[in-house]
C-alpha cells in the first residue's frame, strides 16, 4: 500500500478551536477531512464534511428537522467548541495501517461512505492518506 499513499492530508491539534476547523474547510473546498492529532502528534480521529454538515444544520435549525442524529451526538455537536468535539467515536477507528491491504482500506471507505482514509504507522503516526482516486489509478495500471 505504501506506493499509493498521498500526502495532501490536513491536520490540526485535537484542541484547535472550532473556528480553525471551519477556516480550513472553507478555504479548501475540495478537502474531504481533517485528521486530528493528540499531544504526541498521533492520530486522534478525523473530522469529515458530513460532521460539519450536521454541525451547520444544528446551528441553523437549533436541532430541529435533523434525522439520524442520536441525543448524545446532538449534544456533542450543538455544544462543540473545539475540533475534538466534532469527531465521533467511530472516526477514532477510521484509519488503516501501512501493512493493511488496499481491499481493507476500500472496505472501510465503503462502510464509512468516505473517499479518503488516513494511513498510520504502528505507533499511530499519520504517514499519509489513501484516496479513491489513487485506488482507481492503481486498478487501471494493473489491468
Protein backbone atom coordinates (compact mmCIF):
# COMPACT_ATOMS: atom_id res chain seq x y z
CA UNK A 1 0.00 0.00 0.00
CA UNK A 2 2.91 2.37 0.66
CA UNK A 3 3.32 3.25 -3.04
CA UNK A 4 -0.25 4.58 -3.14
CA UNK A 5 -0.01 7.00 -0.24
CA UNK A 6 -0.97 10.58 -0.84
CA UNK A 7 0.35 13.42 1.25
CA UNK A 8 -2.39 16.00 0.93
CA UNK A 9 -3.95 15.25 4.29
CA UNK A 10 -4.59 18.21 6.58
CA UNK A 11 -4.05 18.02 10.32
CA UNK A 12 -4.98 20.09 13.34
CA UNK A 13 -4.45 19.57 17.07
CA UNK A 14 -7.44 18.00 18.87
CA UNK A 15 -7.73 21.14 20.98
CA UNK A 16 -7.90 23.52 17.99
CA UNK A 17 -10.83 25.88 18.23
CA UNK A 18 -13.86 25.23 16.06
CA UNK A 19 -13.20 28.40 14.06
CA UNK A 20 -9.86 26.94 12.88
CA UNK A 21 -11.62 23.81 11.58
CA UNK A 22 -14.16 25.93 9.72
CA UNK A 23 -11.44 28.15 8.22
CA UNK A 24 -9.54 25.14 6.86
CA UNK A 25 -12.65 23.59 5.31
CA UNK A 26 -13.85 26.94 3.94
CA UNK A 27 -10.50 27.75 2.34
CA UNK A 28 -10.01 24.31 0.78
CA UNK A 29 -13.27 23.44 -0.92
CA UNK A 30 -12.09 20.01 -2.14
CA UNK A 31 -10.96 18.86 1.29
CA UNK A 32 -12.69 15.67 2.46
CA UNK A 33 -11.48 15.65 6.03
CA UNK A 34 -9.08 16.89 8.67
CA UNK A 35 -7.13 14.50 10.86
CA UNK A 36 -6.75 15.50 14.47
CA UNK A 37 -3.51 14.95 16.34
CA UNK A 38 -3.11 14.42 20.07
CA UNK A 39 -0.33 15.98 22.15
CA UNK A 40 2.07 13.23 20.97
CA UNK A 41 1.30 14.06 17.31
CA UNK A 42 -0.55 10.73 16.93
CA UNK A 43 -3.85 10.25 15.14
CA UNK A 44 -6.85 11.02 17.36
CA UNK A 45 -9.69 10.98 14.81
CA UNK A 46 -10.97 12.62 11.66
CA UNK A 47 -13.45 15.41 11.04
CA UNK A 48 -15.33 14.90 7.79
CA UNK A 49 -17.52 17.13 5.65
CA UNK A 50 -20.53 15.23 6.99
CA UNK A 51 -19.56 16.10 10.57
CA UNK A 52 -19.52 19.77 9.58
CA UNK A 53 -22.76 19.48 7.62
CA UNK A 54 -24.51 18.08 10.68
CA UNK A 55 -22.96 20.77 12.90
CA UNK A 56 -24.01 23.56 10.48
CA UNK A 57 -27.54 22.17 10.24
CA UNK A 58 -27.87 22.13 14.02
CA UNK A 59 -26.63 25.71 14.20
CA UNK A 60 -29.20 26.94 11.66
CA UNK A 61 -32.15 24.97 12.96
CA UNK A 62 -31.35 24.70 16.67
CA UNK A 63 -31.56 20.94 16.18
CA UNK A 64 -34.95 20.72 14.54
CA UNK A 65 -35.57 18.57 11.49
CA UNK A 66 -32.38 16.52 11.51
CA UNK A 67 -32.77 12.77 11.22
CA UNK A 68 -30.33 10.07 12.18
CA UNK A 69 -28.67 12.01 14.99
CA UNK A 70 -28.70 10.43 18.42
CA UNK A 71 -29.29 12.53 21.52
CA UNK A 72 -25.64 12.21 22.57
CA UNK A 73 -24.49 13.22 19.07
CA UNK A 74 -26.90 16.15 19.13
CA UNK A 75 -25.42 17.50 22.37
CA UNK A 76 -21.84 16.81 21.23
CA UNK A 77 -22.39 18.80 18.03
CA UNK A 78 -24.59 21.60 19.32
CA UNK A 79 -22.13 22.36 22.14
CA UNK A 80 -18.98 21.93 20.02
CA UNK A 81 -16.26 24.47 20.77
CA UNK A 82 -13.12 22.58 19.79
CA UNK A 83 -12.08 20.27 16.97
CA UNK A 84 -12.28 17.20 19.22
CA UNK A 85 -15.96 17.93 19.88
CA UNK A 86 -16.78 17.28 16.22
CA UNK A 87 -15.30 13.80 15.96
CA UNK A 88 -17.47 10.81 16.62
CA UNK A 89 -16.23 7.73 18.43
CA UNK A 90 -16.24 5.84 15.12
CA UNK A 91 -13.86 8.33 13.50
CA UNK A 92 -11.15 7.41 16.01
CA UNK A 93 -11.13 3.96 14.44
CA UNK A 94 -11.34 5.26 10.87
CA UNK A 95 -7.86 4.57 9.55
CA UNK A 96 -5.72 1.78 8.14
CA UNK A 97 -2.19 0.70 8.96
CA UNK A 98 0.51 0.75 6.34
CA UNK A 99 0.54 -3.06 6.44
CA UNK A 100 -3.19 -3.33 5.58
CA UNK A 101 -4.30 -4.27 2.09
CA UNK A 102 -5.98 -1.98 -0.41
CA UNK A 103 -9.08 -4.12 0.00
CA UNK A 104 -9.13 -3.39 3.74
CA UNK A 105 -8.91 0.33 3.01
CA UNK A 106 -11.70 0.10 0.42
CA UNK A 107 -13.90 -1.85 2.82
CA UNK A 108 -13.52 0.84 5.49
CA UNK A 109 -14.09 3.61 2.95
CA UNK A 110 -17.29 1.98 1.70
CA UNK A 111 -18.58 1.24 5.19
CA UNK A 112 -17.93 4.83 6.31
CA UNK A 113 -19.01 6.37 3.00
CA UNK A 114 -15.79 8.39 2.80
CA UNK A 115 -13.42 8.60 -0.16
CA UNK A 116 -10.25 9.23 1.83
CA UNK A 117 -8.71 7.30 4.71
CA UNK A 118 -5.66 8.11 6.85
CA UNK A 119 -2.78 5.61 6.78
CA UNK A 120 -0.93 5.17 10.06
CA UNK A 121 2.32 3.54 11.11
CA UNK A 122 2.49 1.07 14.01
CA UNK A 123 2.76 3.92 16.55
CA UNK A 124 -0.32 5.75 15.29
CA UNK A 125 1.53 8.46 13.38
CA UNK A 126 0.00 9.60 10.10
CA UNK A 127 2.04 8.54 7.09
CA UNK A 128 -0.36 9.94 4.53
CA UNK A 129 -3.73 9.10 3.12
CA UNK A 130 -5.36 6.83 0.61
CA UNK A 131 -7.92 8.39 -1.70
CA UNK A 132 -10.38 6.80 -4.04
CA UNK A 133 -8.63 8.46 -6.98
CA UNK A 134 -5.37 6.70 -6.09
CA UNK A 135 -7.13 3.35 -5.83
CA UNK A 136 -8.79 3.87 -9.22
CA UNK A 137 -5.46 4.73 -10.88
CA UNK A 138 -3.91 1.64 -9.27
CA UNK A 139 -6.68 -0.54 -10.73
CA UNK A 140 -6.27 0.97 -14.21
CA UNK A 141 -2.48 0.50 -14.17
CA UNK A 142 -2.68 -3.12 -13.00
CA UNK A 143 -5.09 -4.28 -15.71
